[in-house]
Amino acid sequence: MTIARPVAVCAVISALIIATTVIAPSAEDVETPAPSAAQEFHVGDSLDQAEVHLVTSPGLYGLGSGVPGSSYAVAHGKLIRIDPSSFKVLSILRDQPRLLD
């Protein structure tokens, strides 16, 4: 019975170490910030290129190939369609809190 205690103590310490280990989030777990009043935008607005993540794999978002002359993007937690030359918002499709590509 004296051997059981050290083994039990080691098991508890191991469980605590595992439970407190911090793991960095993967790209799939990164959330885009929710839009604040200052970040609100509408169809017809032109966004700054730094605000926009261009979608490179539309299928990951459940989208097809898209409309010629436009690109899919994520900005301020929204999946949108933009004019890639001017970053003008052509349509707002839905909430998109995470980047998938």
N, C-alpha and C. Protein backbone atom coordinates (compact mmCIF):
# COMPACT_ATOMS: atom_id res chain seq x y z
N MET A 1 0.80 -1.20 0.00
CA MET A 1 0.00 0.00 0.00
C MET A 1 0.84 1.26 0.00
N THR A 2 2.07 1.20 0.44
CA THR A 2 2.90 2.39 0.46
C THR A 2 3.29 2.84 -0.95
N ILE A 3 3.25 1.97 -1.92
CA ILE A 3 3.59 2.32 -3.31
C ILE A 3 2.43 3.09 -3.95
N ALA A 4 1.20 2.83 -3.56
CA ALA A 4 0.02 3.46 -4.19
C ALA A 4 0.01 4.97 -4.01
N ARG A 5 0.43 5.46 -2.86
CA ARG A 5 0.40 6.90 -2.63
C ARG A 5 1.31 7.67 -3.58
N PRO A 6 2.59 7.30 -3.72
CA PRO A 6 3.43 8.04 -4.67
C PRO A 6 2.88 7.98 -6.10
N VAL A 7 2.32 6.87 -6.50
CA VAL A 7 1.75 6.75 -7.84
C VAL A 7 0.55 7.67 -7.98
N ALA A 8 -0.30 7.72 -6.96
CA ALA A 8 -1.47 8.59 -6.99
C ALA A 8 -1.06 10.04 -7.03
N VAL A 9 -0.04 10.41 -6.26
CA VAL A 9 0.43 11.80 -6.25
C VAL A 9 0.99 12.17 -7.63
N CYS A 10 1.74 11.27 -8.25
CA CYS A 10 2.27 11.53 -9.59
C CYS A 10 1.14 11.70 -10.60
N ALA A 11 0.11 10.91 -10.49
CA ALA A 11 -1.03 11.00 -11.40
C ALA A 11 -1.73 12.35 -11.25
N VAL A 12 -1.91 12.81 -10.02
CA VAL A 12 -2.56 14.10 -9.77
C VAL A 12 -1.70 15.24 -10.32
N ILE A 13 -0.40 15.20 -10.08
CA ILE A 13 0.50 16.24 -10.58
C ILE A 13 0.49 16.25 -12.11
N SER A 14 0.52 15.09 -12.73
CA SER A 14 0.47 15.02 -14.19
C SER A 14 -0.82 15.60 -14.73
N ALA A 15 -1.93 15.31 -14.07
CA ALA A 15 -3.22 15.84 -14.51
C ALA A 15 -3.24 17.36 -14.39
N LEU A 16 -2.68 17.91 -13.33
CA LEU A 16 -2.62 19.36 -13.16
C LEU A 16 -1.75 20.02 -14.23
N ILE A 17 -0.63 19.40 -14.55
CA ILE A 17 0.25 19.96 -15.58
C ILE A 17 -0.47 19.97 -16.92
N ILE A 18 -1.13 18.90 -17.26
CA ILE A 18 -1.86 18.82 -18.53
C ILE A 18 -3.01 19.82 -18.55
N ALA A 19 -3.73 19.94 -17.45
CA ALA A 19 -4.89 20.84 -17.40
C ALA A 19 -4.50 22.31 -17.50
N THR A 20 -3.29 22.66 -17.08
CA THR A 20 -2.89 24.07 -17.10
C THR A 20 -2.01 24.42 -18.28
N THR A 21 -1.75 23.47 -19.18
CA THR A 21 -0.93 23.74 -20.35
C THR A 21 -1.72 24.60 -21.33
N VAL A 22 -1.10 25.68 -21.81
CA VAL A 22 -1.74 26.57 -22.76
C VAL A 22 -1.31 26.18 -24.16
N ILE A 23 -2.28 26.01 -25.03
CA ILE A 23 -2.01 25.64 -26.41
C ILE A 23 -2.38 26.83 -27.29
N ALA A 24 -1.49 27.21 -28.19
CA ALA A 24 -1.76 28.34 -29.09
C ALA A 24 -2.88 27.96 -30.05
N PRO A 25 -3.78 28.89 -30.36
CA PRO A 25 -4.88 28.58 -31.28
C PRO A 25 -4.38 28.38 -32.69
N SER A 26 -5.04 27.49 -33.42
CA SER A 26 -4.71 27.29 -34.83
C SER A 26 -5.42 28.36 -35.65
N ALA A 27 -5.13 28.41 -36.92
CA ALA A 27 -5.75 29.42 -37.80
C ALA A 27 -7.26 29.27 -37.81
N GLU A 28 -7.76 28.04 -37.65
CA GLU A 28 -9.21 27.81 -37.66
C GLU A 28 -9.89 28.38 -36.44
N ASP A 29 -9.13 28.57 -35.34
CA ASP A 29 -9.71 29.04 -34.10
C ASP A 29 -9.63 30.55 -33.93
N VAL A 30 -8.99 31.23 -34.86
CA VAL A 30 -8.83 32.67 -34.74
C VAL A 30 -10.14 33.34 -35.13
N GLU A 31 -10.67 34.13 -34.22
CA GLU A 31 -11.92 34.82 -34.49
C GLU A 31 -11.64 36.25 -34.92
N THR A 32 -12.43 36.70 -35.87
CA THR A 32 -12.32 38.11 -36.25
C THR A 32 -13.13 38.91 -35.25
N PRO A 33 -12.67 40.12 -34.93
CA PRO A 33 -13.41 40.91 -33.95
C PRO A 33 -14.81 41.27 -34.43
N ALA A 34 -15.75 41.29 -33.50
CA ALA A 34 -17.11 41.71 -33.84
C ALA A 34 -17.09 43.19 -34.16
N PRO A 35 -17.92 43.58 -35.12
CA PRO A 35 -17.89 44.99 -35.49
C PRO A 35 -18.39 45.90 -34.37
N SER A 36 -17.68 46.97 -34.12
CA SER A 36 -18.14 47.98 -33.18
C SER A 36 -18.86 49.05 -34.00
N ALA A 37 -19.37 50.04 -33.35
CA ALA A 37 -20.07 51.10 -34.07
C ALA A 37 -19.14 51.76 -35.08
N ALA A 38 -17.86 51.90 -34.72
CA ALA A 38 -16.90 52.53 -35.63
C ALA A 38 -16.55 51.63 -36.80
N GLN A 39 -16.73 50.32 -36.66
CA GLN A 39 -16.38 49.37 -37.71
C GLN A 39 -17.58 48.97 -38.57
N GLU A 40 -18.72 49.51 -38.31
CA GLU A 40 -19.89 49.16 -39.08
C GLU A 40 -19.72 49.63 -40.52
N PHE A 41 -20.18 48.81 -41.46
CA PHE A 41 -20.11 49.19 -42.86
C PHE A 41 -21.35 48.68 -43.57
N HIS A 42 -21.58 49.22 -44.74
CA HIS A 42 -22.78 48.89 -45.51
C HIS A 42 -22.41 48.64 -46.96
N VAL A 43 -23.35 48.07 -47.70
CA VAL A 43 -23.16 47.89 -49.14
C VAL A 43 -22.90 49.26 -49.74
N GLY A 44 -21.88 49.33 -50.59
CA GLY A 44 -21.51 50.59 -51.23
C GLY A 44 -20.32 51.26 -50.57
N ASP A 45 -20.01 50.90 -49.32
CA ASP A 45 -18.85 51.48 -48.64
C ASP A 45 -17.57 50.89 -49.23
N SER A 46 -16.51 51.67 -49.25
CA SER A 46 -15.19 51.17 -49.64
C SER A 46 -14.38 50.97 -48.36
N LEU A 47 -13.85 49.78 -48.20
CA LEU A 47 -13.07 49.43 -47.02
C LEU A 47 -11.59 49.60 -47.29
N ASP A 48 -10.84 49.83 -46.25
CA ASP A 48 -9.39 49.88 -46.34
C ASP A 48 -8.89 48.44 -46.56
N GLN A 49 -7.91 48.27 -47.40
CA GLN A 49 -7.39 46.93 -47.70
C GLN A 49 -6.93 46.21 -46.43
N ALA A 50 -6.42 46.93 -45.45
CA ALA A 50 -5.94 46.33 -44.20
C ALA A 50 -7.09 45.74 -43.37
N GLU A 51 -8.32 46.17 -43.61
CA GLU A 51 -9.49 45.68 -42.87
C GLU A 51 -10.04 44.38 -43.44
N VAL A 52 -9.55 43.98 -44.62
CA VAL A 52 -10.18 42.92 -45.39
C VAL A 52 -9.26 41.71 -45.50
N HIS A 53 -9.83 40.52 -45.25
CA HIS A 53 -9.13 39.26 -45.51
C HIS A 53 -9.76 38.67 -46.77
N LEU A 54 -9.00 38.60 -47.85
CA LEU A 54 -9.53 38.02 -49.09
C LEU A 54 -9.62 36.51 -48.95
N VAL A 55 -10.76 35.95 -49.30
CA VAL A 55 -10.99 34.50 -49.23
C VAL A 55 -10.29 33.85 -50.41
N THR A 56 -9.42 32.89 -50.12
CA THR A 56 -8.70 32.18 -51.18
C THR A 56 -9.29 30.80 -51.46
N SER A 57 -10.09 30.29 -50.53
CA SER A 57 -10.72 28.98 -50.69
C SER A 57 -12.22 29.10 -50.40
N PRO A 58 -13.02 29.56 -51.37
CA PRO A 58 -14.45 29.78 -51.12
C PRO A 58 -15.19 28.54 -50.63
N GLY A 59 -14.76 27.36 -51.06
CA GLY A 59 -15.42 26.13 -50.63
C GLY A 59 -15.39 25.91 -49.13
N LEU A 60 -14.35 26.40 -48.46
CA LEU A 60 -14.28 26.27 -47.00
C LEU A 60 -15.38 27.06 -46.31
N TYR A 61 -15.91 28.05 -47.00
CA TYR A 61 -16.98 28.89 -46.46
C TYR A 61 -18.35 28.47 -47.00
N GLY A 62 -18.38 27.37 -47.75
CA GLY A 62 -19.64 26.90 -48.33
C GLY A 62 -20.06 27.71 -49.55
N LEU A 63 -19.09 28.32 -50.22
CA LEU A 63 -19.37 29.17 -51.37
C LEU A 63 -18.88 28.52 -52.66
N GLY A 64 -19.47 28.94 -53.77
CA GLY A 64 -19.01 28.50 -55.09
C GLY A 64 -17.88 29.39 -55.56
N SER A 65 -17.63 29.36 -56.85
CA SER A 65 -16.50 30.09 -57.41
C SER A 65 -16.68 31.60 -57.41
N GLY A 66 -17.89 32.09 -57.28
CA GLY A 66 -18.11 33.53 -57.19
C GLY A 66 -18.58 34.15 -58.48
N VAL A 67 -18.80 35.43 -58.42
CA VAL A 67 -19.29 36.21 -59.55
C VAL A 67 -18.08 36.88 -60.21
N PRO A 68 -17.96 36.79 -61.55
CA PRO A 68 -16.83 37.46 -62.21
C PRO A 68 -16.79 38.95 -61.85
N GLY A 69 -15.58 39.45 -61.59
CA GLY A 69 -15.41 40.85 -61.24
C GLY A 69 -15.59 41.15 -59.76
N SER A 70 -15.77 40.11 -58.96
CA SER A 70 -15.89 40.30 -57.51
C SER A 70 -15.11 39.21 -56.79
N SER A 71 -14.85 39.46 -55.52
CA SER A 71 -14.14 38.49 -54.68
C SER A 71 -14.86 38.37 -53.36
N TYR A 72 -14.74 37.19 -52.75
CA TYR A 72 -15.26 37.01 -51.39
C TYR A 72 -14.20 37.47 -50.41
N ALA A 73 -14.65 37.99 -49.28
CA ALA A 73 -13.72 38.47 -48.26
C ALA A 73 -14.41 38.40 -46.90
N VAL A 74 -13.61 38.53 -45.85
CA VAL A 74 -14.12 38.63 -44.48
C VAL A 74 -13.61 39.96 -43.93
N ALA A 75 -14.54 40.73 -43.37
CA ALA A 75 -14.17 42.01 -42.75
C ALA A 75 -15.05 42.23 -41.53
N HIS A 76 -14.44 42.50 -40.41
CA HIS A 76 -15.16 42.83 -39.16
C HIS A 76 -16.23 41.79 -38.83
N GLY A 77 -15.88 40.50 -38.98
CA GLY A 77 -16.81 39.45 -38.60
C GLY A 77 -17.92 39.17 -39.59
N LYS A 78 -17.81 39.70 -40.80
CA LYS A 78 -18.84 39.48 -41.83
C LYS A 78 -18.20 38.89 -43.08
N LEU A 79 -18.90 37.92 -43.68
CA LEU A 79 -18.51 37.39 -44.98
C LEU A 79 -19.16 38.30 -46.02
N ILE A 80 -18.34 38.84 -46.90
CA ILE A 80 -18.83 39.84 -47.85
C ILE A 80 -18.33 39.52 -49.26
N ARG A 81 -18.91 40.20 -50.23
CA ARG A 81 -18.45 40.17 -51.61
C ARG A 81 -18.01 41.59 -51.94
N ILE A 82 -16.79 41.72 -52.50
CA ILE A 82 -16.24 43.05 -52.78
C ILE A 82 -15.74 43.14 -54.22
N ASP A 83 -15.58 44.38 -54.66
CA ASP A 83 -14.87 44.66 -55.91
C ASP A 83 -13.39 44.65 -55.53
N PRO A 84 -12.61 43.70 -56.06
CA PRO A 84 -11.21 43.58 -55.61
C PRO A 84 -10.32 44.76 -55.99
N SER A 85 -10.73 45.58 -56.94
CA SER A 85 -9.89 46.71 -57.33
C SER A 85 -10.11 47.93 -56.44
N SER A 86 -11.31 48.08 -55.90
CA SER A 86 -11.61 49.26 -55.07
C SER A 86 -11.95 48.92 -53.62
N PHE A 87 -12.14 47.63 -53.32
CA PHE A 87 -12.56 47.15 -52.00
C PHE A 87 -13.93 47.72 -51.61
N LYS A 88 -14.73 48.01 -52.63
CA LYS A 88 -16.10 48.46 -52.40
C LYS A 88 -16.96 47.24 -52.06
N VAL A 89 -17.77 47.37 -51.01
CA VAL A 89 -18.64 46.26 -50.57
C VAL A 89 -19.81 46.14 -51.54
N LEU A 90 -19.92 44.96 -52.17
CA LEU A 90 -21.00 44.70 -53.12
C LEU A 90 -22.19 44.01 -52.45
N SER A 91 -21.90 43.16 -51.48
CA SER A 91 -22.96 42.52 -50.70
C SER A 91 -22.40 41.99 -49.40
N ILE A 92 -23.26 41.94 -48.39
CA ILE A 92 -22.91 41.36 -47.09
C ILE A 92 -23.68 40.05 -47.00
N LEU A 93 -22.95 38.95 -46.92
CA LEU A 93 -23.58 37.63 -47.01
C LEU A 93 -24.06 37.10 -45.66
N ARG A 94 -23.19 37.15 -44.64
CA ARG A 94 -23.57 36.61 -43.32
C ARG A 94 -22.46 36.90 -42.32
N ASP A 95 -22.76 36.61 -41.05
CA ASP A 95 -21.74 36.68 -40.01
C ASP A 95 -20.68 35.61 -40.28
N GLN A 96 -19.43 35.95 -40.05
CA GLN A 96 -18.33 34.99 -40.21
C GLN A 96 -17.28 35.31 -39.15
N PRO A 97 -17.47 34.75 -37.94
CA PRO A 97 -16.56 35.09 -36.84
C PRO A 97 -15.15 34.51 -36.96
N ARG A 98 -14.96 33.48 -37.81
CA ARG A 98 -13.65 32.85 -37.91
C ARG A 98 -13.14 32.84 -39.35
N LEU A 99 -11.84 33.01 -39.48
CA LEU A 99 -11.21 32.85 -40.79
C LEU A 99 -10.98 31.37 -41.02
N LEU A 100 -11.31 30.86 -42.19
CA LEU A 100 -11.18 29.44 -42.47
C LEU A 100 -10.09 29.14 -43.47
N ASP A 101 -9.48 30.16 -44.06
CA ASP A 101 -8.39 29.93 -45.01
C ASP A 101 -7.23 30.87 -44.74
